[in-house]
Amino acid sequence: MAAKVRQIRNVQEDLELIRTAKQGDEQSFTKIVKKYEPLVFSFAYKVCRDREKAEETLQDTFVNVYRKLHQFDGKAKFSTWLYSIVVNNCKMKRRKTKLAQASHSLDGSEISLDHHTGEIRTLELQSHRASPLELVMDDELQRRLDEAIRKLPLEYRVVFVLRDIEGKSSEETAKILKLSVPAVKSRLRRARLFLREQLKDYLEV
């Protein structure tokens, strides 16, 4: 109940900041940027798989937000609208240049695999303490999984990141990507199958 109340207050605060920012209040826009900067960078990095591109995407995203804020009508959550802008910016960068070949681990989350089903799971790190043994992924698996994610076509990678790393529902992912829910589920299934195929020799050990 308390979490629901906080969520409602957060939405109300966002709408008020957006309302005043639309009226030209620069301080309100600055507050929006400071509030959502970590979320935008984290998501951009996980999708673009390159820190420099993520930083560029962060800047581009808030330039787009500044220019298009008047288009936000409040029918969807502000974060949903932000995610869609980040995705579009990552797609634009993908068209201009190939993704960097260097492998990057997923900041802020550990990934584990169910060795019986091959299901991919994520666990947000809450502290610097070691995670429970069954949820800790060794360095070799992390490296190989990260490389496999980087090989995913962008349209599948974005769905995988939103659903299995960001923890978004199929419905919200569909809204962000402007897809149908069945399309989201189909892409997620294919992404998971691809990753399991890439890691099958490890899973069969």
N, C-alpha and C. Protein backbone atom coordinates (compact mmCIF):
# COMPACT_ATOMS: atom_id res chain seq x y z
N MET A 1 0.83 -1.20 0.00
CA MET A 1 0.00 0.00 0.00
C MET A 1 0.87 1.26 0.00
N ALA A 2 1.90 1.24 0.87
CA ALA A 2 2.80 2.39 0.97
C ALA A 2 3.53 2.60 -0.35
N ALA A 3 3.94 1.49 -0.99
CA ALA A 3 4.64 1.59 -2.26
C ALA A 3 3.74 2.18 -3.33
N LYS A 4 2.47 1.81 -3.29
CA LYS A 4 1.50 2.33 -4.26
C LYS A 4 1.31 3.84 -4.07
N VAL A 5 1.26 4.25 -2.81
CA VAL A 5 1.10 5.68 -2.51
C VAL A 5 2.32 6.46 -3.01
N ARG A 6 3.52 5.91 -2.78
CA ARG A 6 4.74 6.58 -3.25
C ARG A 6 4.76 6.68 -4.77
N GLN A 7 4.28 5.62 -5.41
CA GLN A 7 4.24 5.62 -6.86
C GLN A 7 3.30 6.71 -7.39
N ILE A 8 2.15 6.83 -6.75
CA ILE A 8 1.18 7.86 -7.16
C ILE A 8 1.76 9.25 -6.96
N ARG A 9 2.42 9.45 -5.81
CA ARG A 9 3.04 10.75 -5.53
C ARG A 9 4.13 11.06 -6.54
N ASN A 10 4.89 10.05 -6.90
CA ASN A 10 5.97 10.23 -7.87
C ASN A 10 5.41 10.66 -9.22
N VAL A 11 4.33 10.02 -9.64
CA VAL A 11 3.68 10.37 -10.91
C VAL A 11 3.17 11.80 -10.85
N GLN A 12 2.55 12.17 -9.72
CA GLN A 12 2.02 13.52 -9.57
C GLN A 12 3.13 14.57 -9.60
N GLU A 13 4.26 14.25 -8.94
CA GLU A 13 5.41 15.16 -8.95
C GLU A 13 5.95 15.35 -10.36
N ASP A 14 6.03 14.23 -11.10
CA ASP A 14 6.51 14.31 -12.48
C ASP A 14 5.60 15.19 -13.33
N LEU A 15 4.30 14.98 -13.20
CA LEU A 15 3.35 15.74 -14.00
C LEU A 15 3.43 17.24 -13.69
N GLU A 16 3.66 17.56 -12.42
CA GLU A 16 3.77 18.97 -12.05
C GLU A 16 5.06 19.58 -12.62
N LEU A 17 6.16 18.83 -12.52
CA LEU A 17 7.43 19.32 -13.08
C LEU A 17 7.30 19.50 -14.60
N ILE A 18 6.65 18.55 -15.24
CA ILE A 18 6.48 18.62 -16.69
C ILE A 18 5.60 19.81 -17.07
N ARG A 19 4.54 20.02 -16.28
CA ARG A 19 3.63 21.14 -16.56
C ARG A 19 4.37 22.47 -16.50
N THR A 20 5.17 22.66 -15.45
CA THR A 20 5.88 23.93 -15.29
C THR A 20 7.04 24.05 -16.28
N ALA A 21 7.66 22.90 -16.60
CA ALA A 21 8.74 22.93 -17.60
C ALA A 21 8.19 23.32 -18.97
N LYS A 22 7.00 22.85 -19.30
CA LYS A 22 6.36 23.22 -20.57
C LYS A 22 6.10 24.71 -20.63
N GLN A 23 5.92 25.32 -19.47
CA GLN A 23 5.65 26.75 -19.40
C GLN A 23 6.94 27.58 -19.44
N GLY A 24 8.07 26.88 -19.54
CA GLY A 24 9.34 27.59 -19.66
C GLY A 24 10.17 27.65 -18.39
N ASP A 25 9.77 26.91 -17.35
CA ASP A 25 10.51 26.92 -16.09
C ASP A 25 11.76 26.04 -16.24
N GLU A 26 12.92 26.66 -16.40
CA GLU A 26 14.17 25.92 -16.60
C GLU A 26 14.53 25.09 -15.38
N GLN A 27 14.20 25.58 -14.19
CA GLN A 27 14.53 24.85 -12.97
C GLN A 27 13.77 23.52 -12.92
N SER A 28 12.54 23.51 -13.37
CA SER A 28 11.75 22.28 -13.39
C SER A 28 12.36 21.27 -14.36
N PHE A 29 12.81 21.77 -15.51
CA PHE A 29 13.43 20.85 -16.48
C PHE A 29 14.73 20.28 -15.92
N THR A 30 15.49 21.11 -15.23
CA THR A 30 16.74 20.65 -14.61
C THR A 30 16.47 19.54 -13.60
N LYS A 31 15.39 19.69 -12.83
CA LYS A 31 15.02 18.66 -11.86
C LYS A 31 14.65 17.35 -12.56
N ILE A 32 13.98 17.46 -13.68
CA ILE A 32 13.62 16.26 -14.45
C ILE A 32 14.89 15.55 -14.92
N VAL A 33 15.83 16.32 -15.42
CA VAL A 33 17.09 15.74 -15.91
C VAL A 33 17.83 15.04 -14.78
N LYS A 34 17.97 15.71 -13.64
CA LYS A 34 18.70 15.12 -12.51
C LYS A 34 18.02 13.85 -12.00
N LYS A 35 16.70 13.85 -12.03
CA LYS A 35 15.95 12.69 -11.53
C LYS A 35 16.11 11.48 -12.44
N TYR A 36 16.09 11.69 -13.74
CA TYR A 36 16.06 10.58 -14.68
C TYR A 36 17.39 10.30 -15.40
N GLU A 37 18.40 11.10 -15.12
CA GLU A 37 19.71 10.90 -15.74
C GLU A 37 20.28 9.51 -15.47
N PRO A 38 20.26 9.03 -14.22
CA PRO A 38 20.81 7.68 -13.96
C PRO A 38 20.06 6.59 -14.73
N LEU A 39 18.75 6.67 -14.77
CA LEU A 39 17.94 5.67 -15.47
C LEU A 39 18.26 5.67 -16.97
N VAL A 40 18.33 6.85 -17.57
CA VAL A 40 18.58 6.95 -19.00
C VAL A 40 19.97 6.41 -19.35
N PHE A 41 20.98 6.79 -18.56
CA PHE A 41 22.33 6.32 -18.86
C PHE A 41 22.44 4.81 -18.70
N SER A 42 21.89 4.29 -17.61
CA SER A 42 21.96 2.85 -17.36
C SER A 42 21.32 2.05 -18.49
N PHE A 43 20.13 2.47 -18.90
CA PHE A 43 19.44 1.76 -19.96
C PHE A 43 20.17 1.91 -21.30
N ALA A 44 20.64 3.11 -21.59
CA ALA A 44 21.36 3.35 -22.85
C ALA A 44 22.62 2.50 -22.92
N TYR A 45 23.30 2.37 -21.80
CA TYR A 45 24.54 1.56 -21.78
C TYR A 45 24.24 0.09 -22.02
N LYS A 46 23.17 -0.41 -21.41
CA LYS A 46 22.83 -1.82 -21.58
C LYS A 46 22.38 -2.13 -23.00
N VAL A 47 21.77 -1.16 -23.67
CA VAL A 47 21.32 -1.37 -25.04
C VAL A 47 22.44 -1.11 -26.04
N CYS A 48 23.12 0.02 -25.91
CA CYS A 48 24.17 0.39 -26.86
C CYS A 48 25.43 -0.44 -26.68
N ARG A 49 25.65 -0.94 -25.45
CA ARG A 49 26.80 -1.79 -25.14
C ARG A 49 28.12 -1.05 -25.29
N ASP A 50 28.10 0.24 -25.13
CA ASP A 50 29.30 1.05 -25.28
C ASP A 50 29.13 2.31 -24.45
N ARG A 51 30.10 2.57 -23.57
CA ARG A 51 29.96 3.68 -22.64
C ARG A 51 29.93 5.03 -23.35
N GLU A 52 30.77 5.23 -24.35
CA GLU A 52 30.80 6.50 -25.06
C GLU A 52 29.46 6.75 -25.77
N LYS A 53 28.94 5.70 -26.42
CA LYS A 53 27.65 5.85 -27.09
C LYS A 53 26.53 6.08 -26.09
N ALA A 54 26.65 5.47 -24.91
CA ALA A 54 25.64 5.68 -23.88
C ALA A 54 25.64 7.12 -23.41
N GLU A 55 26.83 7.70 -23.26
CA GLU A 55 26.94 9.11 -22.85
C GLU A 55 26.36 10.03 -23.93
N GLU A 56 26.64 9.70 -25.19
CA GLU A 56 26.08 10.50 -26.29
C GLU A 56 24.56 10.37 -26.32
N THR A 57 24.08 9.14 -26.08
CA THR A 57 22.64 8.90 -26.08
C THR A 57 21.97 9.65 -24.94
N LEU A 58 22.64 9.71 -23.79
CA LEU A 58 22.12 10.45 -22.65
C LEU A 58 21.90 11.91 -23.03
N GLN A 59 22.90 12.52 -23.64
CA GLN A 59 22.79 13.93 -24.05
C GLN A 59 21.69 14.10 -25.10
N ASP A 60 21.71 13.21 -26.10
CA ASP A 60 20.72 13.31 -27.19
C ASP A 60 19.30 13.15 -26.65
N THR A 61 19.15 12.25 -25.69
CA THR A 61 17.81 11.98 -25.15
C THR A 61 17.22 13.22 -24.50
N PHE A 62 18.00 13.90 -23.69
CA PHE A 62 17.45 15.07 -23.00
C PHE A 62 17.33 16.29 -23.92
N VAL A 63 18.10 16.31 -25.00
CA VAL A 63 17.88 17.34 -26.02
C VAL A 63 16.52 17.08 -26.67
N ASN A 64 16.26 15.79 -26.98
CA ASN A 64 14.97 15.42 -27.56
C ASN A 64 13.82 15.72 -26.60
N VAL A 65 14.03 15.42 -25.32
CA VAL A 65 13.00 15.68 -24.32
C VAL A 65 12.69 17.18 -24.26
N TYR A 66 13.74 17.99 -24.27
CA TYR A 66 13.55 19.44 -24.21
C TYR A 66 12.74 19.94 -25.41
N ARG A 67 13.07 19.40 -26.57
CA ARG A 67 12.40 19.85 -27.80
C ARG A 67 10.98 19.31 -27.92
N LYS A 68 10.75 18.12 -27.37
CA LYS A 68 9.47 17.44 -27.61
C LYS A 68 8.59 17.33 -26.37
N LEU A 69 8.98 18.01 -25.30
CA LEU A 69 8.23 17.88 -24.05
C LEU A 69 6.76 18.25 -24.24
N HIS A 70 6.50 19.18 -25.12
CA HIS A 70 5.11 19.60 -25.35
C HIS A 70 4.27 18.46 -25.94
N GLN A 71 4.95 17.43 -26.50
CA GLN A 71 4.23 16.31 -27.09
C GLN A 71 3.81 15.27 -26.04
N PHE A 72 4.42 15.34 -24.86
CA PHE A 72 4.07 14.37 -23.81
C PHE A 72 2.71 14.72 -23.25
N ASP A 73 1.75 13.79 -23.38
CA ASP A 73 0.37 14.07 -22.98
C ASP A 73 -0.03 13.43 -21.65
N GLY A 74 0.88 12.68 -21.03
CA GLY A 74 0.58 12.09 -19.73
C GLY A 74 -0.24 10.81 -19.79
N LYS A 75 -0.54 10.33 -20.99
CA LYS A 75 -1.33 9.09 -21.09
C LYS A 75 -0.50 7.87 -20.70
N ALA A 76 0.78 7.94 -20.93
CA ALA A 76 1.70 6.88 -20.49
C ALA A 76 2.60 7.45 -19.40
N LYS A 77 3.30 6.59 -18.67
CA LYS A 77 4.24 7.06 -17.66
C LYS A 77 5.37 7.82 -18.35
N PHE A 78 5.89 8.83 -17.66
CA PHE A 78 6.98 9.61 -18.23
C PHE A 78 8.19 8.73 -18.51
N SER A 79 8.46 7.77 -17.62
CA SER A 79 9.60 6.87 -17.82
C SER A 79 9.42 6.03 -19.08
N THR A 80 8.18 5.64 -19.37
CA THR A 80 7.90 4.87 -20.59
C THR A 80 8.26 5.71 -21.82
N TRP A 81 7.87 6.96 -21.80
CA TRP A 81 8.19 7.89 -22.89
C TRP A 81 9.69 8.06 -23.03
N LEU A 82 10.39 8.16 -21.91
CA LEU A 82 11.84 8.29 -21.92
C LEU A 82 12.50 7.07 -22.54
N TYR A 83 12.06 5.89 -22.11
CA TYR A 83 12.62 4.65 -22.65
C TYR A 83 12.50 4.62 -24.17
N SER A 84 11.36 5.03 -24.69
CA SER A 84 11.14 4.99 -26.14
C SER A 84 12.10 5.94 -26.86
N ILE A 85 12.39 7.10 -26.26
CA ILE A 85 13.33 8.04 -26.86
C ILE A 85 14.74 7.46 -26.86
N VAL A 86 15.12 6.82 -25.77
CA VAL A 86 16.45 6.19 -25.70
C VAL A 86 16.58 5.11 -26.78
N VAL A 87 15.56 4.29 -26.92
CA VAL A 87 15.59 3.23 -27.93
C VAL A 87 15.77 3.82 -29.33
N ASN A 88 15.03 4.87 -29.63
CA ASN A 88 15.14 5.50 -30.94
C ASN A 88 16.54 6.07 -31.18
N ASN A 89 17.11 6.67 -30.14
CA ASN A 89 18.46 7.22 -30.28
C ASN A 89 19.50 6.12 -30.48
N CYS A 90 19.34 5.01 -29.78
CA CYS A 90 20.26 3.88 -29.95
C CYS A 90 20.14 3.30 -31.35
N LYS A 91 18.92 3.24 -31.87
CA LYS A 91 18.73 2.72 -33.23
C LYS A 91 19.41 3.63 -34.25
N MET A 92 19.31 4.94 -34.03
CA MET A 92 19.94 5.89 -34.94
C MET A 92 21.45 5.72 -34.94
N LYS A 93 22.02 5.53 -33.75
CA LYS A 93 23.46 5.35 -33.65
C LYS A 93 23.88 4.02 -34.28
N ARG A 94 23.00 3.03 -34.15
CA ARG A 94 23.30 1.71 -34.72
C ARG A 94 23.36 1.79 -36.24
N ARG A 95 22.52 2.63 -36.81
CA ARG A 95 22.53 2.79 -38.26
C ARG A 95 23.80 3.49 -38.74
N LYS A 96 24.33 4.40 -37.92
CA LYS A 96 25.47 5.20 -38.32
C LYS A 96 26.79 4.44 -38.19
N THR A 97 26.88 3.55 -37.23
CA THR A 97 28.14 2.86 -37.01
C THR A 97 27.92 1.53 -36.35
N LYS A 98 28.84 0.61 -36.53
CA LYS A 98 28.72 -0.70 -35.90
C LYS A 98 29.01 -0.57 -34.41
N LEU A 99 28.42 -1.46 -33.64
CA LEU A 99 28.66 -1.44 -32.20
C LEU A 99 30.12 -1.79 -31.91
N ALA A 100 30.65 -1.21 -30.84
CA ALA A 100 32.03 -1.50 -30.45
C ALA A 100 32.19 -2.98 -30.16
N GLN A 101 33.35 -3.51 -30.49
CA GLN A 101 33.57 -4.94 -30.34
C GLN A 101 33.93 -5.34 -28.91
N ALA A 102 34.38 -4.37 -28.13
CA ALA A 102 34.79 -4.70 -26.76
C ALA A 102 33.60 -5.16 -25.95
N SER A 103 33.80 -6.17 -25.12
CA SER A 103 32.72 -6.68 -24.28
C SER A 103 32.62 -5.87 -23.00
N HIS A 104 31.39 -5.57 -22.58
CA HIS A 104 31.17 -4.83 -21.34
C HIS A 104 30.23 -5.63 -20.47
N SER A 105 30.51 -5.71 -19.20
CA SER A 105 29.60 -6.41 -18.29
C SER A 105 28.41 -5.52 -18.00
N LEU A 106 27.32 -6.14 -17.53
CA LEU A 106 26.10 -5.39 -17.26
C LEU A 106 26.21 -4.66 -15.93
N ASP A 107 26.29 -3.35 -15.97
CA ASP A 107 26.41 -2.56 -14.75
C ASP A 107 25.17 -2.71 -13.89
N GLY A 108 25.37 -2.88 -12.60
CA GLY A 108 24.25 -2.85 -11.66
C GLY A 108 23.45 -4.12 -11.57
N SER A 109 23.80 -5.17 -12.29
CA SER A 109 23.00 -6.38 -12.17
C SER A 109 23.87 -7.61 -12.39
N GLU A 110 23.52 -8.68 -11.72
CA GLU A 110 24.14 -9.97 -11.94
C GLU A 110 23.16 -10.79 -12.75
N ILE A 111 23.65 -11.66 -13.59
CA ILE A 111 22.79 -12.54 -14.36
C ILE A 111 23.11 -13.97 -13.99
N SER A 112 22.09 -14.77 -13.78
CA SER A 112 22.30 -16.18 -13.49
C SER A 112 21.45 -17.00 -14.43
N LEU A 113 21.84 -18.26 -14.62
CA LEU A 113 21.10 -19.15 -15.50
C LEU A 113 20.61 -20.35 -14.71
N ASP A 114 19.38 -20.75 -14.97
CA ASP A 114 18.84 -21.98 -14.42
C ASP A 114 19.38 -23.11 -15.30
N HIS A 115 20.22 -23.95 -14.76
CA HIS A 115 20.89 -24.97 -15.57
C HIS A 115 19.94 -26.07 -16.02
N HIS A 116 18.76 -26.14 -15.47
CA HIS A 116 17.79 -27.15 -15.88
C HIS A 116 16.92 -26.63 -17.02
N THR A 117 16.49 -25.40 -16.95
CA THR A 117 15.58 -24.84 -17.95
C THR A 117 16.28 -23.90 -18.92
N GLY A 118 17.47 -23.40 -18.53
CA GLY A 118 18.16 -22.43 -19.38
C GLY A 118 17.60 -21.04 -19.24
N GLU A 119 16.68 -20.83 -18.30
CA GLU A 119 16.08 -19.52 -18.12
C GLU A 119 17.10 -18.53 -17.61
N ILE A 120 17.07 -17.33 -18.16
CA ILE A 120 18.00 -16.27 -17.77
C ILE A 120 17.34 -15.40 -16.72
N ARG A 121 18.02 -15.15 -15.64
CA ARG A 121 17.45 -14.34 -14.57
C ARG A 121 18.42 -13.23 -14.20
N THR A 122 17.89 -12.16 -13.67
CA THR A 122 18.74 -11.05 -13.24
C THR A 122 18.47 -10.73 -11.78
N LEU A 123 19.48 -10.21 -11.11
CA LEU A 123 19.37 -9.84 -9.70
C LEU A 123 20.07 -8.52 -9.51
N GLU A 124 19.31 -7.49 -9.14
CA GLU A 124 19.92 -6.19 -8.90
C GLU A 124 20.81 -6.24 -7.67
N LEU A 125 21.97 -5.65 -7.77
CA LEU A 125 22.91 -5.65 -6.65
C LEU A 125 22.53 -4.54 -5.67
N GLN A 126 22.28 -4.91 -4.43
CA GLN A 126 21.88 -3.94 -3.43
C GLN A 126 23.05 -3.48 -2.57
N SER A 127 24.16 -4.21 -2.60
CA SER A 127 25.31 -3.84 -1.79
C SER A 127 26.55 -4.47 -2.40
N HIS A 128 27.70 -4.30 -1.74
CA HIS A 128 28.93 -4.89 -2.23
C HIS A 128 29.15 -6.28 -1.64
N ARG A 129 28.23 -6.76 -0.84
CA ARG A 129 28.36 -8.10 -0.29
C ARG A 129 28.15 -9.13 -1.39
N ALA A 130 28.75 -10.31 -1.20
CA ALA A 130 28.59 -11.38 -2.18
C ALA A 130 27.15 -11.84 -2.21
N SER A 131 26.66 -12.14 -3.41
CA SER A 131 25.31 -12.66 -3.57
C SER A 131 25.27 -14.10 -3.11
N PRO A 132 24.07 -14.66 -2.86
CA PRO A 132 23.98 -16.07 -2.52
C PRO A 132 24.65 -16.91 -3.60
N LEU A 133 25.27 -18.01 -3.19
CA LEU A 133 26.10 -18.80 -4.09
C LEU A 133 25.35 -19.23 -5.35
N GLU A 134 24.08 -19.62 -5.20
CA GLU A 134 23.35 -20.12 -6.36
C GLU A 134 23.01 -19.03 -7.36
N LEU A 135 23.16 -17.75 -6.97
CA LEU A 135 22.84 -16.66 -7.89
C LEU A 135 24.08 -15.97 -8.44
N VAL A 136 25.23 -16.39 -8.00
CA VAL A 136 26.46 -15.75 -8.45
C VAL A 136 26.95 -16.41 -9.74
N MET A 137 27.19 -15.63 -10.73
CA MET A 137 27.69 -16.15 -12.00
C MET A 137 29.19 -15.97 -12.06
N ASP A 138 29.91 -17.02 -12.45
CA ASP A 138 31.36 -16.88 -12.48
C ASP A 138 31.79 -15.98 -13.64
N ASP A 139 33.04 -15.55 -13.59
CA ASP A 139 33.53 -14.57 -14.57
C ASP A 139 33.44 -15.08 -16.00
N GLU A 140 33.72 -16.36 -16.19
CA GLU A 140 33.69 -16.91 -17.55
C GLU A 140 32.29 -16.87 -18.13
N LEU A 141 31.29 -17.25 -17.34
CA LEU A 141 29.91 -17.23 -17.83
C LEU A 141 29.47 -15.80 -18.09
N GLN A 142 29.85 -14.88 -17.20
CA GLN A 142 29.46 -13.49 -17.40
C GLN A 142 30.05 -12.95 -18.71
N ARG A 143 31.31 -13.27 -18.97
CA ARG A 143 31.95 -12.80 -20.19
C ARG A 143 31.24 -13.36 -21.42
N ARG A 144 30.96 -14.66 -21.38
CA ARG A 144 30.34 -15.30 -22.54
C ARG A 144 28.89 -14.85 -22.74
N LEU A 145 28.18 -14.67 -21.65
CA LEU A 145 26.80 -14.21 -21.77
C LEU A 145 26.77 -12.78 -22.31
N ASP A 146 27.69 -11.96 -21.83
CA ASP A 146 27.73 -10.57 -22.29
C ASP A 146 28.04 -10.51 -23.78
N GLU A 147 28.95 -11.36 -24.23
CA GLU A 147 29.28 -11.41 -25.65
C GLU A 147 28.06 -11.86 -26.46
N ALA A 148 27.32 -12.83 -25.90
CA ALA A 148 26.14 -13.34 -26.60
C ALA A 148 25.07 -12.25 -26.72
N ILE A 149 24.87 -11.48 -25.66
CA ILE A 149 23.89 -10.39 -25.69
C ILE A 149 24.30 -9.36 -26.75
N ARG A 150 25.60 -9.10 -26.85
CA ARG A 150 26.09 -8.13 -27.82
C ARG A 150 25.84 -8.59 -29.26
N LYS A 151 25.77 -9.90 -29.46
CA LYS A 151 25.53 -10.46 -30.79
C LYS A 151 24.06 -10.40 -31.19
N LEU A 152 23.18 -10.21 -30.22
CA LEU A 152 21.75 -10.14 -30.54
C LEU A 152 21.46 -8.96 -31.46
N PRO A 153 20.63 -9.14 -32.50
CA PRO A 153 20.17 -8.00 -33.29
C PRO A 153 19.52 -6.98 -32.36
N LEU A 154 19.66 -5.70 -32.67
CA LEU A 154 19.21 -4.66 -31.76
C LEU A 154 17.75 -4.79 -31.37
N GLU A 155 16.88 -5.17 -32.32
CA GLU A 155 15.45 -5.25 -32.01
C GLU A 155 15.15 -6.33 -30.98
N TYR A 156 15.97 -7.38 -30.95
CA TYR A 156 15.79 -8.43 -29.95
C TYR A 156 16.49 -8.06 -28.66
N ARG A 157 17.66 -7.41 -28.77
CA ARG A 157 18.41 -7.02 -27.59
C ARG A 157 17.62 -6.03 -26.74
N VAL A 158 16.95 -5.08 -27.40
CA VAL A 158 16.17 -4.08 -26.67
C VAL A 158 15.05 -4.75 -25.88
N VAL A 159 14.37 -5.70 -26.50
CA VAL A 159 13.30 -6.41 -25.79
C VAL A 159 13.87 -7.19 -24.62
N PHE A 160 14.99 -7.87 -24.83
CA PHE A 160 15.62 -8.65 -23.75
C PHE A 160 16.01 -7.76 -22.58
N VAL A 161 16.64 -6.61 -22.90
CA VAL A 161 17.07 -5.69 -21.83
C VAL A 161 15.87 -5.17 -21.05
N LEU A 162 14.83 -4.76 -21.76
CA LEU A 162 13.65 -4.22 -21.07
C LEU A 162 12.97 -5.27 -20.21
N ARG A 163 12.82 -6.48 -20.72
CA ARG A 163 12.07 -7.50 -19.99
C ARG A 163 12.92 -8.20 -18.92
N ASP A 164 14.09 -8.70 -19.30
CA ASP A 164 14.85 -9.55 -18.39
C ASP A 164 15.88 -8.81 -17.56
N ILE A 165 16.24 -7.60 -17.94
CA ILE A 165 17.22 -6.84 -17.14
C ILE A 165 16.55 -5.68 -16.42
N GLU A 166 15.74 -4.90 -17.15
CA GLU A 166 15.03 -3.78 -16.52
C GLU A 166 13.78 -4.25 -15.77
N GLY A 167 13.30 -5.45 -16.07
CA GLY A 167 12.14 -5.99 -15.35
C GLY A 167 10.81 -5.39 -15.77
N LYS A 168 10.73 -4.85 -16.98
CA LYS A 168 9.47 -4.29 -17.45
C LYS A 168 8.51 -5.41 -17.84
N SER A 169 7.22 -5.13 -17.74
CA SER A 169 6.21 -6.10 -18.15
C SER A 169 6.14 -6.14 -19.68
N SER A 170 5.51 -7.17 -20.20
CA SER A 170 5.34 -7.26 -21.65
C SER A 170 4.51 -6.08 -22.15
N GLU A 171 3.52 -5.67 -21.35
CA GLU A 171 2.64 -4.57 -21.74
C GLU A 171 3.42 -3.25 -21.82
N GLU A 172 4.25 -2.96 -20.80
CA GLU A 172 5.00 -1.70 -20.83
C GLU A 172 6.08 -1.73 -21.91
N THR A 173 6.70 -2.88 -22.10
CA THR A 173 7.68 -3.01 -23.17
C THR A 173 7.04 -2.74 -24.52
N ALA A 174 5.83 -3.26 -24.70
CA ALA A 174 5.10 -3.03 -25.96
C ALA A 174 4.83 -1.55 -26.17
N LYS A 175 4.47 -0.84 -25.10
CA LYS A 175 4.21 0.59 -25.20
C LYS A 175 5.49 1.35 -25.57
N ILE A 176 6.60 0.98 -24.93
CA ILE A 176 7.87 1.66 -25.18
C ILE A 176 8.30 1.49 -26.63
N LEU A 177 8.16 0.27 -27.13
CA LEU A 177 8.66 -0.05 -28.47
C LEU A 177 7.60 0.09 -29.55
N LYS A 178 6.36 0.43 -29.12
CA LYS A 178 5.26 0.56 -30.08
C LYS A 178 5.05 -0.73 -30.85
N LEU A 179 5.03 -1.82 -30.10
CA LEU A 179 4.79 -3.15 -30.65
C LEU A 179 3.56 -3.75 -29.99
N SER A 180 3.06 -4.83 -30.55
CA SER A 180 1.99 -5.57 -29.88
C SER A 180 2.61 -6.45 -28.80
N VAL A 181 1.83 -6.82 -27.81
CA VAL A 181 2.32 -7.71 -26.75
C VAL A 181 2.79 -9.04 -27.33
N PRO A 182 2.03 -9.67 -28.26
CA PRO A 182 2.52 -10.91 -28.86
C PRO A 182 3.87 -10.75 -29.56
N ALA A 183 4.10 -9.59 -30.19
CA ALA A 183 5.38 -9.35 -30.86
C ALA A 183 6.51 -9.27 -29.84
N VAL A 184 6.25 -8.62 -28.71
CA VAL A 184 7.25 -8.54 -27.64
C VAL A 184 7.59 -9.94 -27.12
N LYS A 185 6.57 -10.73 -26.87
CA LYS A 185 6.78 -12.09 -26.35
C LYS A 185 7.54 -12.95 -27.36
N SER A 186 7.23 -12.76 -28.63
CA SER A 186 7.91 -13.52 -29.68
C SER A 186 9.39 -13.15 -29.74
N ARG A 187 9.68 -11.86 -29.70
CA ARG A 187 11.08 -11.42 -29.76
C ARG A 187 11.85 -11.85 -28.53
N LEU A 188 11.19 -11.78 -27.36
CA LEU A 188 11.86 -12.20 -26.13
C LEU A 188 12.16 -13.70 -26.19
N ARG A 189 11.21 -14.47 -26.67
CA ARG A 189 11.43 -15.92 -26.78
C ARG A 189 12.60 -16.23 -27.70
N ARG A 190 12.66 -15.53 -28.84
CA ARG A 190 13.76 -15.75 -29.77
C ARG A 190 15.10 -15.31 -29.19
N ALA A 191 15.08 -14.20 -28.45
CA ALA A 191 16.31 -13.73 -27.82
C ALA A 191 16.82 -14.74 -26.80
N ARG A 192 15.92 -15.26 -25.98
CA ARG A 192 16.31 -16.25 -24.98
C ARG A 192 16.83 -17.53 -25.63
N LEU A 193 16.17 -17.96 -26.71
CA LEU A 193 16.61 -19.16 -27.42
C LEU A 193 18.01 -18.95 -28.01
N PHE A 194 18.23 -17.76 -28.56
CA PHE A 194 19.54 -17.45 -29.13
C PHE A 194 20.61 -17.50 -28.05
N LEU A 195 20.32 -16.88 -26.90
CA LEU A 195 21.31 -16.86 -25.82
C LEU A 195 21.57 -18.25 -25.26
N ARG A 196 20.52 -19.06 -25.13
CA ARG A 196 20.72 -20.43 -24.66
C ARG A 196 21.55 -21.23 -25.65
N GLU A 197 21.33 -20.99 -26.95
CA GLU A 197 22.12 -21.67 -27.98
C GLU A 197 23.58 -21.26 -27.88
N GLN A 198 23.82 -19.97 -27.65
CA GLN A 198 25.19 -19.48 -27.53
C GLN A 198 25.91 -20.06 -26.32
N LEU A 199 25.13 -20.42 -25.28
CA LEU A 199 25.72 -20.90 -24.03
C LEU A 199 25.48 -22.38 -23.80
N LYS A 200 25.03 -23.10 -24.83
CA LYS A 200 24.61 -24.48 -24.61
C LYS A 200 25.73 -25.38 -24.12
N ASP A 201 26.98 -25.13 -24.57
CA ASP A 201 28.08 -25.98 -24.12
C ASP A 201 28.33 -25.79 -22.63
N TYR A 202 28.10 -24.56 -22.14
CA TYR A 202 28.26 -24.30 -20.70
C TYR A 202 27.12 -24.94 -19.92
N LEU A 203 25.90 -24.83 -20.45
CA LEU A 203 24.72 -25.35 -19.75
C LEU A 203 24.73 -26.87 -19.69
N GLU A 204 25.39 -27.48 -20.65
CA GLU A 204 25.41 -28.95 -20.71
C GLU A 204 26.48 -29.56 -19.84
N VAL A 205 27.32 -28.71 -19.26
CA VAL A 205 28.40 -29.21 -18.40
C VAL A 205 27.85 -29.85 -17.15
